[in-house]
Amino acid sequence: MKAVPRGRLSWTNWTTSFGHVGLLAVAAEAESRPVTALCLLLIAAVSLFAWSGNYRRWRLIVDTPTSRIDFAAQGYVELAGTAQLPGGPPLLSELTQEPCCWYWFKVEKKTSKDKWRHERGAESHAPFVLDDGTGKCLVYPSEAEVHSHRRKTWIDNDRRFTELTILPDDRLYAIGSFSTLRPLEGEAAVRAEIATLMAKWKLDRPALLERFDLDRDGEVDLKEWELARRQARREVERARENRPKPPAVHVMRRPQDGRLFMLSNLDPGSLARRYVRWKWFHLCVFFAGLGIGSWLLLH
């Protein structure tokens, strides 16, 4: 899988900035005023798009209150706690083989023109746990916008390696679609367990006939089957009385309505300030490109 930093706005900000430089280079070399004006207006359009993304993320971080897992409402919420492994064999990062909760990596190869070309990359999709002290939430990171201060980059011969990770015990900020999955309860749960138990009985036909074939004709008729069903209910209800109630499972995923799904081991305040800086940068570029480009077209 190609490691495209999908939805990571920091990547988008730097890409648009390089795009600005390229368009400015074209504008500087153009001998036609309309071409120069068009390049500047394109720069303004790109910055307006980038400003909108930064502004939207900044407002979400600032305006969305942090919920506690055990008291969170179902729907779009913000959580803060620590990242934890979910149990079982730990996830290992692809390049450094470090136990982690999430990783993203890419490998680039230097070309004959002394440029770096993408060779391979991927990111993990295994769920991990966010623990805020009141409860635990299973986070599914697929299609999340992830920001991590844990970045490693190194060069070995003609290849450059880059890896981002979220490690166990990292502070974790998350905003996305929160839901609580509860075990089947009430009569529906009892009926499901009765069906499972009776299916198990059917697998051992001699034992089934021994228990419920009262007239010993080699078959369990409708009346005898009803007796078996009642016995199954009694056994299920007795087992449920002596069994602890299974806990609910909290999960966070990508919202189906397209709203932002973000994970970060950065401080939310620091993350918000980053968006503010980029927001103002793109806003200034937008007005500069729009003003100068329009002036060139009109004069």
Protein backbone atom coordinates (compact mmCIF):
# COMPACT_ATOMS: atom_id res chain seq x y z
CA MET A 1 0.00 0.00 0.00
CA LYS A 2 1.34 3.42 -0.91
CA ALA A 3 1.93 5.62 2.12
CA VAL A 4 0.02 8.73 1.19
CA PRO A 5 -0.46 10.91 4.29
CA ARG A 6 -4.18 10.92 3.63
CA GLY A 7 -5.94 13.93 5.10
CA ARG A 8 -2.92 15.19 7.02
CA LEU A 9 -3.25 18.92 6.70
CA SER A 10 0.36 19.64 7.64
CA TRP A 11 1.36 17.72 4.52
CA THR A 12 -1.23 19.67 2.51
CA ASN A 13 0.01 23.00 3.86
CA TRP A 14 3.59 22.33 2.82
CA THR A 15 2.47 21.00 -0.56
CA THR A 16 0.44 24.15 -1.27
CA SER A 17 3.39 26.27 -0.18
CA PHE A 18 5.65 24.52 -2.69
CA GLY A 19 2.89 25.00 -5.25
CA HIS A 20 2.95 28.72 -4.48
CA VAL A 21 6.69 28.82 -5.12
CA GLY A 22 6.25 27.03 -8.44
CA LEU A 23 3.50 29.39 -9.58
CA LEU A 24 5.56 32.40 -8.49
CA ALA A 25 8.47 31.09 -10.57
CA VAL A 26 6.18 30.81 -13.61
CA ALA A 27 4.83 34.31 -12.96
CA ALA A 28 8.33 35.76 -12.65
CA GLU A 29 9.43 34.29 -15.97
CA ALA A 30 6.23 35.09 -17.85
CA GLU A 31 6.46 37.98 -20.26
CA SER A 32 2.70 38.29 -20.47
CA ARG A 33 0.87 40.28 -17.82
CA PRO A 34 -2.30 38.11 -18.09
CA VAL A 35 -0.22 34.95 -17.48
CA THR A 36 1.36 36.55 -14.41
CA ALA A 37 -2.07 37.65 -13.17
CA LEU A 38 -3.49 34.18 -13.72
CA CYS A 39 -0.68 32.58 -11.70
CA LEU A 40 -1.32 34.97 -8.81
CA LEU A 41 -5.06 34.32 -8.91
CA LEU A 42 -4.37 30.56 -8.85
CA ILE A 43 -2.17 31.08 -5.80
CA ALA A 44 -5.05 32.95 -4.15
CA ALA A 45 -7.50 30.15 -4.98
CA VAL A 46 -5.21 27.47 -3.54
CA SER A 47 -4.65 29.48 -0.37
CA LEU A 48 -8.39 30.05 0.05
CA PHE A 49 -8.91 26.28 -0.04
CA ALA A 50 -6.07 25.68 2.44
CA TRP A 51 -7.31 28.51 4.72
CA SER A 52 -10.75 26.88 4.83
CA GLY A 53 -9.29 23.54 5.93
CA ASN A 54 -7.12 25.09 8.63
CA TYR A 55 -9.94 27.30 9.90
CA ARG A 56 -12.36 24.36 10.10
CA ARG A 57 -9.91 22.26 12.09
CA TRP A 58 -9.04 25.11 14.42
CA ARG A 59 -12.71 25.77 15.18
CA LEU A 60 -13.37 22.07 15.82
CA ILE A 61 -10.52 21.83 18.33
CA VAL A 62 -11.52 25.06 20.08
CA ASP A 63 -15.30 24.58 20.06
CA THR A 64 -15.69 20.85 20.75
CA PRO A 65 -15.71 20.13 24.50
CA THR A 66 -13.68 17.18 25.77
CA SER A 67 -15.89 14.30 26.89
CA ARG A 68 -15.16 11.58 29.43
CA ILE A 69 -15.47 8.10 27.96
CA ASP A 70 -17.86 6.62 30.53
CA PHE A 71 -20.17 9.65 30.23
CA ALA A 72 -19.73 10.54 26.53
CA ALA A 73 -22.80 10.98 24.36
CA GLN A 74 -23.17 8.86 21.27
CA GLY A 75 -22.02 10.70 18.16
CA TYR A 76 -19.28 13.19 17.32
CA VAL A 77 -17.06 13.76 20.37
CA GLU A 78 -13.58 14.79 21.49
CA LEU A 79 -11.57 12.57 23.84
CA ALA A 80 -8.22 12.97 25.59
CA GLY A 81 -6.23 10.36 27.48
CA THR A 82 -3.32 7.99 26.91
CA ALA A 83 -2.72 5.53 24.09
CA GLN A 84 -2.53 1.89 25.15
CA LEU A 85 -2.00 -1.44 23.43
CA PRO A 86 -5.21 -3.51 23.23
CA GLY A 87 -3.61 -6.73 24.48
CA GLY A 88 -2.17 -9.70 22.67
CA PRO A 89 1.01 -9.54 20.57
CA PRO A 90 2.15 -5.90 20.28
CA LEU A 91 2.08 -4.07 16.97
CA LEU A 92 5.62 -3.43 15.68
CA SER A 93 6.47 -0.45 13.50
CA GLU A 94 7.56 -1.44 10.01
CA LEU A 95 11.00 0.17 9.88
CA THR A 96 12.31 0.27 13.46
CA GLN A 97 10.36 -2.73 14.83
CA GLU A 98 9.35 -0.67 17.86
CA PRO A 99 6.22 -1.69 19.83
CA CYS A 100 3.62 0.96 19.02
CA CYS A 101 -0.08 1.72 18.81
CA TRP A 102 0.10 3.15 15.27
CA TYR A 103 2.72 3.75 12.59
CA TRP A 104 3.12 5.33 9.17
CA PHE A 105 6.22 5.02 7.01
CA LYS A 106 7.62 5.65 3.58
CA VAL A 107 10.81 4.67 1.78
CA GLU A 108 12.24 6.87 -0.97
CA LYS A 109 15.04 6.13 -3.42
CA LYS A 110 17.42 8.73 -4.84
CA THR A 111 17.22 8.97 -8.63
CA SER A 112 19.99 9.74 -11.11
CA LYS A 113 18.78 13.37 -11.05
CA ASP A 114 19.48 13.53 -7.29
CA LYS A 115 15.78 13.62 -6.40
CA TRP A 116 13.87 11.41 -3.99
CA ARG A 117 11.28 9.10 -5.58
CA HIS A 118 8.64 7.25 -3.53
CA GLU A 119 9.37 3.53 -3.46
CA ARG A 120 7.02 2.02 -0.90
CA GLY A 121 5.11 2.77 2.27
CA ALA A 122 2.08 1.95 4.39
CA GLU A 123 0.36 2.70 7.66
CA SER A 124 -1.18 0.48 10.34
CA HIS A 125 -4.93 -0.02 10.69
CA ALA A 126 -5.02 -2.16 13.83
CA PRO A 127 -7.22 -0.71 16.60
CA PHE A 128 -5.69 0.48 19.86
CA VAL A 129 -6.99 1.81 23.17
CA LEU A 130 -7.52 5.35 24.45
CA ASP A 131 -7.73 5.37 28.26
CA ASP A 132 -8.86 8.56 30.02
CA GLY A 133 -9.17 7.19 33.55
CA THR A 134 -12.97 6.87 33.45
CA GLY A 135 -13.05 4.22 30.74
CA LYS A 136 -11.40 2.77 27.69
CA CYS A 137 -12.25 3.38 24.04
CA LEU A 138 -11.12 1.20 21.14
CA VAL A 139 -9.85 3.50 18.38
CA TYR A 140 -9.92 2.34 14.74
CA PRO A 141 -7.37 4.61 12.97
CA SER A 142 -8.32 3.80 9.36
CA GLU A 143 -8.71 7.03 7.34
CA ALA A 144 -7.84 9.23 10.32
CA GLU A 145 -5.86 12.45 10.01
CA VAL A 146 -2.93 11.64 12.31
CA HIS A 147 -0.43 14.08 13.79
CA SER A 148 2.58 12.76 15.70
CA HIS A 149 5.64 14.44 17.15
CA ARG A 150 7.42 11.06 16.99
CA ARG A 151 9.10 11.33 13.61
CA LYS A 152 12.29 9.56 12.56
CA THR A 153 14.10 10.17 9.28
CA TRP A 154 17.41 8.68 8.20
CA ILE A 155 19.34 7.94 5.01
CA ASP A 156 21.02 4.63 4.21
CA ASN A 157 22.99 4.57 0.94
CA ASP A 158 20.58 5.75 -1.77
CA ARG A 159 17.38 5.42 0.29
CA ARG A 160 15.64 7.75 2.73
CA PHE A 161 13.41 6.30 5.45
CA THR A 162 10.69 8.18 7.32
CA GLU A 163 8.54 6.80 10.13
CA LEU A 164 5.82 8.32 12.31
CA THR A 165 4.52 6.51 15.39
CA ILE A 166 2.16 6.77 18.34
CA LEU A 167 3.63 4.84 21.26
CA PRO A 168 2.02 3.27 24.34
CA ASP A 169 1.53 5.82 27.15
CA ASP A 170 1.64 8.77 24.71
CA ARG A 171 -0.88 11.46 25.50
CA LEU A 172 -3.61 11.04 22.88
CA TYR A 173 -6.12 13.54 21.54
CA ALA A 174 -8.95 12.18 19.38
CA ILE A 175 -12.01 13.60 17.70
CA GLY A 176 -14.39 11.43 15.71
CA SER A 177 -17.50 9.26 15.79
CA PHE A 178 -18.02 7.67 19.22
CA SER A 179 -20.38 4.77 19.84
CA THR A 180 -20.98 2.19 22.55
CA LEU A 181 -21.51 -1.43 21.56
CA ARG A 182 -23.56 -3.22 24.17
CA PRO A 183 -24.03 -6.99 24.41
CA LEU A 184 -27.41 -8.37 23.42
CA GLU A 185 -29.74 -8.01 26.41
CA GLY A 186 -33.22 -8.99 27.52
CA GLU A 187 -35.46 -11.56 25.85
CA ALA A 188 -33.60 -11.31 22.55
CA ALA A 189 -30.36 -12.39 24.26
CA VAL A 190 -32.11 -15.26 26.07
CA ARG A 191 -33.65 -16.53 22.82
CA ALA A 192 -30.29 -16.37 21.06
CA GLU A 193 -28.65 -18.44 23.81
CA ILE A 194 -31.54 -20.94 23.77
CA ALA A 195 -31.12 -21.41 20.01
CA THR A 196 -27.38 -21.92 20.44
CA LEU A 197 -27.85 -24.46 23.23
CA MET A 198 -30.47 -26.43 21.32
CA ALA A 199 -28.30 -26.48 18.21
CA LYS A 200 -25.55 -27.94 20.37
CA TRP A 201 -27.94 -30.62 21.66
CA LYS A 202 -28.87 -31.57 18.10
CA LEU A 203 -25.25 -32.41 17.36
CA ASP A 204 -25.40 -35.26 19.91
CA ARG A 205 -28.50 -37.10 18.72
CA PRO A 206 -28.20 -40.14 21.06
CA ALA A 207 -28.04 -37.85 24.11
CA LEU A 208 -30.94 -35.76 22.72
CA LEU A 209 -33.13 -38.86 22.33
CA GLU A 210 -32.12 -40.13 25.76
CA ARG A 211 -33.26 -36.89 27.41
CA PHE A 212 -36.36 -35.93 25.40
CA ASP A 213 -37.71 -38.95 23.45
CA LEU A 214 -40.24 -39.82 26.14
CA ASP A 215 -42.22 -42.39 24.10
CA ARG A 216 -39.00 -44.01 22.81
CA ASP A 217 -40.10 -44.04 19.16
CA GLY A 218 -36.69 -42.84 17.96
CA GLU A 219 -37.90 -39.32 17.20
CA VAL A 220 -38.42 -36.07 19.12
CA ASP A 221 -41.94 -34.97 18.20
CA LEU A 222 -43.36 -31.44 18.54
CA LYS A 223 -44.58 -31.93 22.10
CA GLU A 224 -41.23 -33.41 23.20
CA TRP A 225 -39.37 -30.64 21.37
CA GLU A 226 -41.38 -28.05 23.28
CA LEU A 227 -40.32 -29.73 26.53
CA ALA A 228 -36.72 -29.56 25.33
CA ARG A 229 -37.12 -25.84 24.59
CA ARG A 230 -38.46 -25.20 28.11
CA GLN A 231 -35.53 -27.11 29.61
CA ALA A 232 -33.12 -25.08 27.50
CA ARG A 233 -34.68 -21.84 28.76
CA ARG A 234 -34.31 -22.96 32.38
CA GLU A 235 -30.64 -23.81 31.84
CA VAL A 236 -29.94 -20.55 30.03
CA GLU A 237 -31.63 -18.40 32.66
CA ARG A 238 -29.83 -20.26 35.47
CA ALA A 239 -26.47 -19.73 33.71
CA ARG A 240 -27.18 -16.03 33.13
CA GLU A 241 -27.94 -15.51 36.84
CA ASN A 242 -24.53 -16.87 37.78
CA ARG A 243 -22.61 -15.07 35.04
CA PRO A 244 -21.30 -11.50 35.31
CA LYS A 245 -22.77 -9.08 32.82
CA PRO A 246 -20.37 -8.50 29.91
CA PRO A 247 -19.15 -4.89 29.75
CA ALA A 248 -20.06 -2.46 26.99
CA VAL A 249 -17.35 -1.67 24.44
CA HIS A 250 -16.69 1.96 23.45
CA VAL A 251 -15.30 2.56 19.96
CA MET A 252 -14.22 5.56 17.88
CA ARG A 253 -14.19 5.50 14.08
CA ARG A 254 -14.29 7.75 11.05
CA PRO A 255 -17.62 9.64 10.92
CA GLN A 256 -19.86 8.46 8.10
CA ASP A 257 -20.94 12.03 7.32
CA GLY A 258 -17.43 13.08 6.27
CA ARG A 259 -16.58 15.17 9.34
CA LEU A 260 -13.00 15.34 10.55
CA PHE A 261 -11.50 12.26 12.19
CA MET A 262 -8.26 13.27 13.91
CA LEU A 263 -5.76 11.54 16.19
CA SER A 264 -2.74 13.25 17.70
CA ASN A 265 -0.13 12.82 20.43
CA LEU A 266 0.43 16.59 20.32
CA ASP A 267 -1.04 18.88 22.96
CA PRO A 268 -4.43 20.15 21.63
CA GLY A 269 -3.40 23.75 22.38
CA SER A 270 -0.20 23.34 20.37
CA LEU A 271 -2.17 21.71 17.55
CA ALA A 272 -4.69 24.57 17.53
CA ARG A 273 -1.89 27.18 17.42
CA ARG A 274 -0.36 25.39 14.44
CA TYR A 275 -3.64 25.73 12.56
CA VAL A 276 -3.90 29.39 13.54
CA ARG A 277 -0.46 30.14 12.08
CA TRP A 278 -1.26 28.37 8.84
CA LYS A 279 -4.70 30.00 8.74
CA TRP A 280 -3.24 33.48 8.86
CA PHE A 281 -0.48 32.61 6.39
CA HIS A 282 -2.95 31.37 3.78
CA LEU A 283 -5.32 34.28 4.40
CA CYS A 284 -2.51 36.79 3.77
CA VAL A 285 -1.43 34.93 0.64
CA PHE A 286 -5.03 34.86 -0.58
CA PHE A 287 -5.52 38.62 -0.30
CA ALA A 288 -2.08 39.36 -1.75
CA GLY A 289 -2.61 37.06 -4.74
CA LEU A 290 -6.16 38.27 -5.31
CA GLY A 291 -5.25 41.96 -5.01
CA ILE A 292 -2.12 41.95 -7.16
CA GLY A 293 -3.60 39.54 -9.73
CA SER A 294 -6.75 41.64 -10.10
CA TRP A 295 -4.73 44.85 -10.39
CA LEU A 296 -2.61 43.34 -13.17
CA LEU A 297 -5.70 42.30 -15.09
CA LEU A 298 -7.42 45.66 -14.75
CA HIS A 299 -4.44 47.94 -15.48
